[in-house]
Amino acid sequence: MRRLDRYCPTYQFSEVHACDVAAEPAAILNGVAAYRPASDRFFRLMIGLRELPMRALGRPDMARAPFGLHDFTLLDRSESEIVYGLIGRFWRPGYGLEPVADGAAFLRFDAPQVAKLALAFEARPGPDGRTQLVTETRVSCASRAARLKFTPYWLLIRPVSGLVRQRMLAAIKRDSERSSSSGRIIAAGSP
């Protein structure tokens, strides 16, 4: 069973993206863990636009750093998969985030007006020596009311979210292949 299925077995919204990477699964997942979306200009621009109304209104909850991967909680990691989680009222101006300590807390959390988001990265070795890196986002709304509030938000952000995920995969691929090829050069030159 995939670890993602443990944390978000039922969901109303999902998005999947994938790419092939010429690197080992462990190196790729290390690249996933090290990735910082704020290094992507497009990501910074989109988050800036998303948060612009709250910042313009001087909302006290927007004194925090811009939204990013640091807001997610690492729920689980294996040799082939990393799962992050986030709980909130994402349709609200300040995202309505709920603190989550770990995977067990994510599973235990139960409130009717929230959505649980699980973001997984899975490295699947292929027969040709390449690895398929798959990212899947699942969102489970705890109630009909939460689903009705989340749906318009999802329809609005999904295209941008998809572009962000594709850019994230491309950056992880580039960094993983660069690290992998430099490791092979060192290994080839050693006695």
C-alpha atoms as a PDB file:
ATOM      1  CA  MET A   1       0.000   0.000   0.000  1.00  0.00           C
ATOM      2  CA  ARG A   2       1.255   3.458  -0.856  1.00  0.00           C
ATOM      3  CA  ARG A   3       1.835   5.711   2.113  1.00  0.00           C
ATOM      4  CA  LEU A   4      -0.338   8.355   0.477  1.00  0.00           C
ATOM      5  CA  ASP A   5      -3.278   5.942   0.720  1.00  0.00           C
ATOM      6  CA  ARG A   6      -2.748   5.731   4.474  1.00  0.00           C
ATOM      7  CA  TYR A   7      -3.010   9.508   4.955  1.00  0.00           C
ATOM      8  CA  CYS A   8      -5.663  10.327   2.377  1.00  0.00           C
ATOM      9  CA  PRO A   9      -7.543   7.191   1.308  1.00  0.00           C
ATOM     10  CA  THR A  10     -10.706   9.072   0.342  1.00  0.00           C
ATOM     11  CA  TYR A  11     -10.703  12.434  -1.363  1.00  0.00           C
ATOM     12  CA  GLN A  12     -12.784  14.689  -3.577  1.00  0.00           C
ATOM     13  CA  PHE A  13      -9.974  16.475  -5.436  1.00  0.00           C
ATOM     14  CA  SER A  14      -6.696  15.238  -6.878  1.00  0.00           C
ATOM     15  CA  GLU A  15      -3.953  16.180  -9.272  1.00  0.00           C
ATOM     16  CA  VAL A  16      -1.129  13.992 -10.611  1.00  0.00           C
ATOM     17  CA  HIS A  17       2.048  14.942 -12.497  1.00  0.00           C
ATOM     18  CA  ALA A  18       5.079  12.849 -13.437  1.00  0.00           C
ATOM     19  CA  CYS A  19       8.438  12.946 -15.176  1.00  0.00           C
ATOM     20  CA  ASP A  20      11.264  10.496 -15.890  1.00  0.00           C
ATOM     21  CA  VAL A  21      14.565  11.133 -14.157  1.00  0.00           C
ATOM     22  CA  ALA A  22      17.974   9.622 -14.908  1.00  0.00           C
ATOM     23  CA  ALA A  23      18.849   9.096 -11.240  1.00  0.00           C
ATOM     24  CA  GLU A  24      18.328   6.611  -8.431  1.00  0.00           C
ATOM     25  CA  PRO A  25      15.131   6.863  -6.318  1.00  0.00           C
ATOM     26  CA  ALA A  26      17.043   7.739  -3.128  1.00  0.00           C
ATOM     27  CA  ALA A  27      18.825  10.653  -4.808  1.00  0.00           C
ATOM     28  CA  ILE A  28      15.553  11.908  -6.263  1.00  0.00           C
ATOM     29  CA  LEU A  29      13.729  11.781  -2.921  1.00  0.00           C
ATOM     30  CA  ASN A  30      16.640  13.616  -1.307  1.00  0.00           C
ATOM     31  CA  GLY A  31      16.139  16.245  -4.017  1.00  0.00           C
ATOM     32  CA  VAL A  32      12.435  16.420  -3.166  1.00  0.00           C
ATOM     33  CA  ALA A  33      13.224  16.942   0.527  1.00  0.00           C
ATOM     34  CA  ALA A  34      15.785  19.647  -0.301  1.00  0.00           C
ATOM     35  CA  TYR A  35      13.600  21.498  -2.824  1.00  0.00           C
ATOM     36  CA  ARG A  36      12.559  25.009  -1.865  1.00  0.00           C
ATOM     37  CA  PRO A  37       9.681  26.396  -3.982  1.00  0.00           C
ATOM     38  CA  ALA A  38      10.597  29.955  -3.018  1.00  0.00           C
ATOM     39  CA  SER A  39      13.631  29.599  -5.300  1.00  0.00           C
ATOM     40  CA  ASP A  40      11.214  29.574  -8.275  1.00  0.00           C
ATOM     41  CA  ARG A  41      10.315  33.064  -9.476  1.00  0.00           C
ATOM     42  CA  PHE A  42       6.971  31.846 -10.878  1.00  0.00           C
ATOM     43  CA  PHE A  43       6.034  30.314  -7.511  1.00  0.00           C
ATOM     44  CA  ARG A  44       6.936  33.532  -5.674  1.00  0.00           C
ATOM     45  CA  LEU A  45       4.870  35.578  -8.143  1.00  0.00           C
ATOM     46  CA  MET A  46       1.810  33.322  -7.853  1.00  0.00           C
ATOM     47  CA  ILE A  47       1.932  33.208  -4.049  1.00  0.00           C
ATOM     48  CA  GLY A  48       2.439  36.977  -4.023  1.00  0.00           C
ATOM     49  CA  LEU A  49      -0.688  37.423  -6.153  1.00  0.00           C
ATOM     50  CA  ARG A  50      -2.639  34.976  -3.963  1.00  0.00           C
ATOM     51  CA  GLU A  51      -1.641  36.858  -0.811  1.00  0.00           C
ATOM     52  CA  LEU A  52      -1.831  40.401  -2.252  1.00  0.00           C
ATOM     53  CA  PRO A  53      -5.367  41.217  -1.018  1.00  0.00           C
ATOM     54  CA  MET A  54      -4.529  40.146   2.544  1.00  0.00           C
ATOM     55  CA  ARG A  55      -1.283  42.078   2.593  1.00  0.00           C
ATOM     56  CA  ALA A  56      -2.962  45.174   1.096  1.00  0.00           C
ATOM     57  CA  LEU A  57      -5.612  45.025   3.819  1.00  0.00           C
ATOM     58  CA  GLY A  58      -2.893  44.780   6.472  1.00  0.00           C
ATOM     59  CA  ARG A  59      -4.263  41.540   7.890  1.00  0.00           C
ATOM     60  CA  PRO A  60      -2.360  40.591  11.078  1.00  0.00           C
ATOM     61  CA  ASP A  61      -2.311  36.913  10.062  1.00  0.00           C
ATOM     62  CA  MET A  62      -0.347  37.892   6.961  1.00  0.00           C
ATOM     63  CA  ALA A  63       2.659  39.125   8.955  1.00  0.00           C
ATOM     64  CA  ARG A  64       4.000  35.578   8.517  1.00  0.00           C
ATOM     65  CA  ALA A  65       6.366  34.506   5.767  1.00  0.00           C
ATOM     66  CA  PRO A  66       4.727  33.843   2.383  1.00  0.00           C
ATOM     67  CA  PHE A  67       3.141  30.413   2.028  1.00  0.00           C
ATOM     68  CA  GLY A  68       5.529  27.640   1.022  1.00  0.00           C
ATOM     69  CA  LEU A  69       6.608  24.059   1.546  1.00  0.00           C
ATOM     70  CA  HIS A  70       7.701  25.008   5.087  1.00  0.00           C
ATOM     71  CA  ASP A  71       3.980  25.199   5.965  1.00  0.00           C
ATOM     72  CA  PHE A  72       3.590  21.472   5.244  1.00  0.00           C
ATOM     73  CA  THR A  73       4.251  18.740   7.791  1.00  0.00           C
ATOM     74  CA  LEU A  74       6.319  15.715   6.833  1.00  0.00           C
ATOM     75  CA  LEU A  75       3.888  12.864   7.442  1.00  0.00           C
ATOM     76  CA  ASP A  76       5.940   9.891   6.295  1.00  0.00           C
ATOM     77  CA  ARG A  77       8.939   8.822   4.253  1.00  0.00           C
ATOM     78  CA  SER A  78      10.064   5.496   2.852  1.00  0.00           C
ATOM     79  CA  GLU A  79      12.700   4.443   0.322  1.00  0.00           C
ATOM     80  CA  SER A  80      10.300   5.261  -2.500  1.00  0.00           C
ATOM     81  CA  GLU A  81       7.832   7.852  -1.179  1.00  0.00           C
ATOM     82  CA  ILE A  82       7.569  11.097   0.762  1.00  0.00           C
ATOM     83  CA  VAL A  83       4.213  12.374   1.988  1.00  0.00           C
ATOM     84  CA  TYR A  84       3.553  15.893   3.277  1.00  0.00           C
ATOM     85  CA  GLY A  85       0.312  17.127   4.814  1.00  0.00           C
ATOM     86  CA  LEU A  86      -1.546  20.338   5.396  1.00  0.00           C
ATOM     87  CA  ILE A  87      -4.873  21.016   7.091  1.00  0.00           C
ATOM     88  CA  GLY A  88      -6.758  24.238   6.707  1.00  0.00           C
ATOM     89  CA  ARG A  89      -9.493  26.355   5.305  1.00  0.00           C
ATOM     90  CA  PHE A  90      -7.519  27.132   2.167  1.00  0.00           C
ATOM     91  CA  TRP A  91     -10.296  29.286   0.697  1.00  0.00           C
ATOM     92  CA  ARG A  92      -9.809  31.813   3.496  1.00  0.00           C
ATOM     93  CA  PRO A  93      -7.476  34.765   2.996  1.00  0.00           C
ATOM     94  CA  GLY A  94      -4.858  33.482   5.460  1.00  0.00           C
ATOM     95  CA  TYR A  95      -5.355  29.810   4.441  1.00  0.00           C
ATOM     96  CA  GLY A  96      -6.881  28.968   7.838  1.00  0.00           C
ATOM     97  CA  LEU A  97      -4.035  26.576   8.594  1.00  0.00           C
ATOM     98  CA  GLU A  98      -4.243  24.183  11.517  1.00  0.00           C
ATOM     99  CA  PRO A  99      -1.035  23.102  13.264  1.00  0.00           C
ATOM    100  CA  VAL A 100      -0.104  19.466  12.615  1.00  0.00           C
ATOM    101  CA  ALA A 101       2.830  17.931  14.497  1.00  0.00           C
ATOM    102  CA  ASP A 102       3.268  14.709  12.545  1.00  0.00           C
ATOM    103  CA  GLY A 103       1.551  11.928  10.620  1.00  0.00           C
ATOM    104  CA  ALA A 104      -0.302  10.611  13.661  1.00  0.00           C
ATOM    105  CA  ALA A 105      -1.698  14.082  14.428  1.00  0.00           C
ATOM    106  CA  PHE A 106      -2.751  14.453  10.774  1.00  0.00           C
ATOM    107  CA  LEU A 107      -4.690  11.190  10.959  1.00  0.00           C
ATOM    108  CA  ARG A 108      -6.301  12.084  14.315  1.00  0.00           C
ATOM    109  CA  PHE A 109      -7.347  15.598  13.326  1.00  0.00           C
ATOM    110  CA  ASP A 110     -11.123  15.774  12.998  1.00  0.00           C
ATOM    111  CA  ALA A 111     -13.022  19.008  12.438  1.00  0.00           C
ATOM    112  CA  PRO A 112     -15.974  19.528  10.082  1.00  0.00           C
ATOM    113  CA  GLN A 113     -15.009  22.822   8.455  1.00  0.00           C
ATOM    114  CA  VAL A 114     -11.539  21.942   7.132  1.00  0.00           C
ATOM    115  CA  ALA A 115      -9.847  20.289   4.211  1.00  0.00           C
ATOM    116  CA  LYS A 116      -6.938  17.871   4.548  1.00  0.00           C
ATOM    117  CA  LEU A 117      -4.337  18.021   1.810  1.00  0.00           C
ATOM    118  CA  ALA A 118      -1.790  15.270   1.251  1.00  0.00           C
ATOM    119  CA  LEU A 119       1.093  15.873  -1.156  1.00  0.00           C
ATOM    120  CA  ALA A 120       3.099  12.796  -2.127  1.00  0.00           C
ATOM    121  CA  PHE A 121       6.217  12.242  -4.184  1.00  0.00           C
ATOM    122  CA  GLU A 122       6.896   8.684  -5.305  1.00  0.00           C
ATOM    123  CA  ALA A 123      10.021   7.437  -7.090  1.00  0.00           C
ATOM    124  CA  ARG A 124       9.250   4.373  -9.234  1.00  0.00           C
ATOM    125  CA  PRO A 125      12.277   2.602 -10.764  1.00  0.00           C
ATOM    126  CA  GLY A 126      11.789   1.758 -14.432  1.00  0.00           C
ATOM    127  CA  PRO A 127      13.181  -1.101 -16.501  1.00  0.00           C
ATOM    128  CA  ASP A 128      15.441   1.248 -18.478  1.00  0.00           C
ATOM    129  CA  GLY A 129      17.409   2.491 -15.456  1.00  0.00           C
ATOM    130  CA  ARG A 130      15.400   5.702 -15.263  1.00  0.00           C
ATOM    131  CA  THR A 131      13.058   6.534 -12.389  1.00  0.00           C
ATOM    132  CA  GLN A 132       9.578   7.919 -12.765  1.00  0.00           C
ATOM    133  CA  LEU A 133       8.953  10.700 -10.246  1.00  0.00           C
ATOM    134  CA  VAL A 134       5.239  11.093  -9.582  1.00  0.00           C
ATOM    135  CA  THR A 135       3.664  13.811  -7.484  1.00  0.00           C
ATOM    136  CA  GLU A 136       0.075  13.469  -6.407  1.00  0.00           C
ATOM    137  CA  THR A 137      -1.993  15.968  -4.461  1.00  0.00           C
ATOM    138  CA  ARG A 138      -5.191  14.819  -2.779  1.00  0.00           C
ATOM    139  CA  VAL A 139      -7.686  16.948  -0.896  1.00  0.00           C
ATOM    140  CA  SER A 140     -10.337  15.541   1.393  1.00  0.00           C
ATOM    141  CA  CYS A 141     -12.999  17.903   2.662  1.00  0.00           C
ATOM    142  CA  ALA A 142     -14.399  16.926   6.045  1.00  0.00           C
ATOM    143  CA  SER A 143     -17.950  18.040   5.322  1.00  0.00           C
ATOM    144  CA  ARG A 144     -20.274  19.086   2.539  1.00  0.00           C
ATOM    145  CA  ALA A 145     -19.962  22.700   3.713  1.00  0.00           C
ATOM    146  CA  ALA A 146     -16.156  22.536   3.489  1.00  0.00           C
ATOM    147  CA  ARG A 147     -16.402  20.941   0.026  1.00  0.00           C
ATOM    148  CA  LEU A 148     -18.757  23.698  -1.175  1.00  0.00           C
ATOM    149  CA  LYS A 149     -16.287  26.345   0.028  1.00  0.00           C
ATOM    150  CA  PHE A 150     -13.222  24.546  -1.315  1.00  0.00           C
ATOM    151  CA  THR A 151     -14.585  23.762  -4.809  1.00  0.00           C
ATOM    152  CA  PRO A 152     -14.447  27.307  -6.269  1.00  0.00           C
ATOM    153  CA  TYR A 153     -11.009  27.788  -4.724  1.00  0.00           C
ATOM    154  CA  TRP A 154      -9.784  24.540  -6.322  1.00  0.00           C
ATOM    155  CA  LEU A 155     -11.187  25.500  -9.724  1.00  0.00           C
ATOM    156  CA  LEU A 156      -9.358  28.817  -9.499  1.00  0.00           C
ATOM    157  CA  ILE A 157      -5.973  27.593  -8.243  1.00  0.00           C
ATOM    158  CA  ARG A 158      -5.745  24.190  -9.943  1.00  0.00           C
ATOM    159  CA  PRO A 159      -4.214  25.433 -13.235  1.00  0.00           C
ATOM    160  CA  VAL A 160      -1.578  27.425 -11.338  1.00  0.00           C
ATOM    161  CA  SER A 161      -1.007  24.556  -8.919  1.00  0.00           C
ATOM    162  CA  GLY A 162      -0.424  22.261 -11.899  1.00  0.00           C
ATOM    163  CA  LEU A 163       2.167  24.623 -13.373  1.00  0.00           C
ATOM    164  CA  VAL A 164       3.887  24.901  -9.995  1.00  0.00           C
ATOM    165  CA  ARG A 165       4.035  21.088  -9.700  1.00  0.00           C
ATOM    166  CA  GLN A 166       5.423  20.729 -13.230  1.00  0.00           C
ATOM    167  CA  ARG A 167       8.091  23.345 -12.540  1.00  0.00           C
ATOM    168  CA  MET A 168       8.882  21.647  -9.229  1.00  0.00           C
ATOM    169  CA  LEU A 169       9.338  18.274 -10.983  1.00  0.00           C
ATOM    170  CA  ALA A 170      11.555  19.876 -13.642  1.00  0.00           C
ATOM    171  CA  ALA A 171      13.784  21.481 -10.989  1.00  0.00           C
ATOM    172  CA  ILE A 172      14.043  18.253  -8.968  1.00  0.00           C
ATOM    173  CA  LYS A 173      14.831  16.325 -12.165  1.00  0.00           C
ATOM    174  CA  ARG A 174      17.527  18.812 -13.161  1.00  0.00           C
ATOM    175  CA  ASP A 175      19.145  18.808  -9.714  1.00  0.00           C
ATOM    176  CA  SER A 176      18.907  15.017  -9.303  1.00  0.00           C
ATOM    177  CA  GLU A 177      20.419  14.334 -12.720  1.00  0.00           C
ATOM    178  CA  ARG A 178      23.151  16.891 -12.125  1.00  0.00           C
ATOM    179  CA  SER A 179      24.015  15.306  -8.759  1.00  0.00           C
ATOM    180  CA  SER A 180      23.810  11.819 -10.239  1.00  0.00           C
ATOM    181  CA  SER A 181      26.079  12.620 -13.206  1.00  0.00           C
ATOM    182  CA  SER A 182      28.662  14.371 -11.011  1.00  0.00           C
ATOM    183  CA  GLY A 183      28.688  11.296  -8.745  1.00  0.00           C
ATOM    184  CA  ARG A 184      29.316   9.035 -11.733  1.00  0.00           C
ATOM    185  CA  ILE A 185      32.226  11.209 -12.889  1.00  0.00           C
ATOM    186  CA  ILE A 186      33.853  10.996  -9.473  1.00  0.00           C
ATOM    187  CA  ALA A 187      33.282   7.252  -9.329  1.00  0.00           C
ATOM    188  CA  ALA A 188      34.674   6.756 -12.833  1.00  0.00           C
ATOM    189  CA  GLY A 189      37.824   8.729 -11.990  1.00  0.00           C
ATOM    190  CA  SER A 190      38.546   6.924  -8.743  1.00  0.00           C
ATOM    191  CA  PRO A 191      40.934   3.961  -8.635  1.00  0.00           C
END
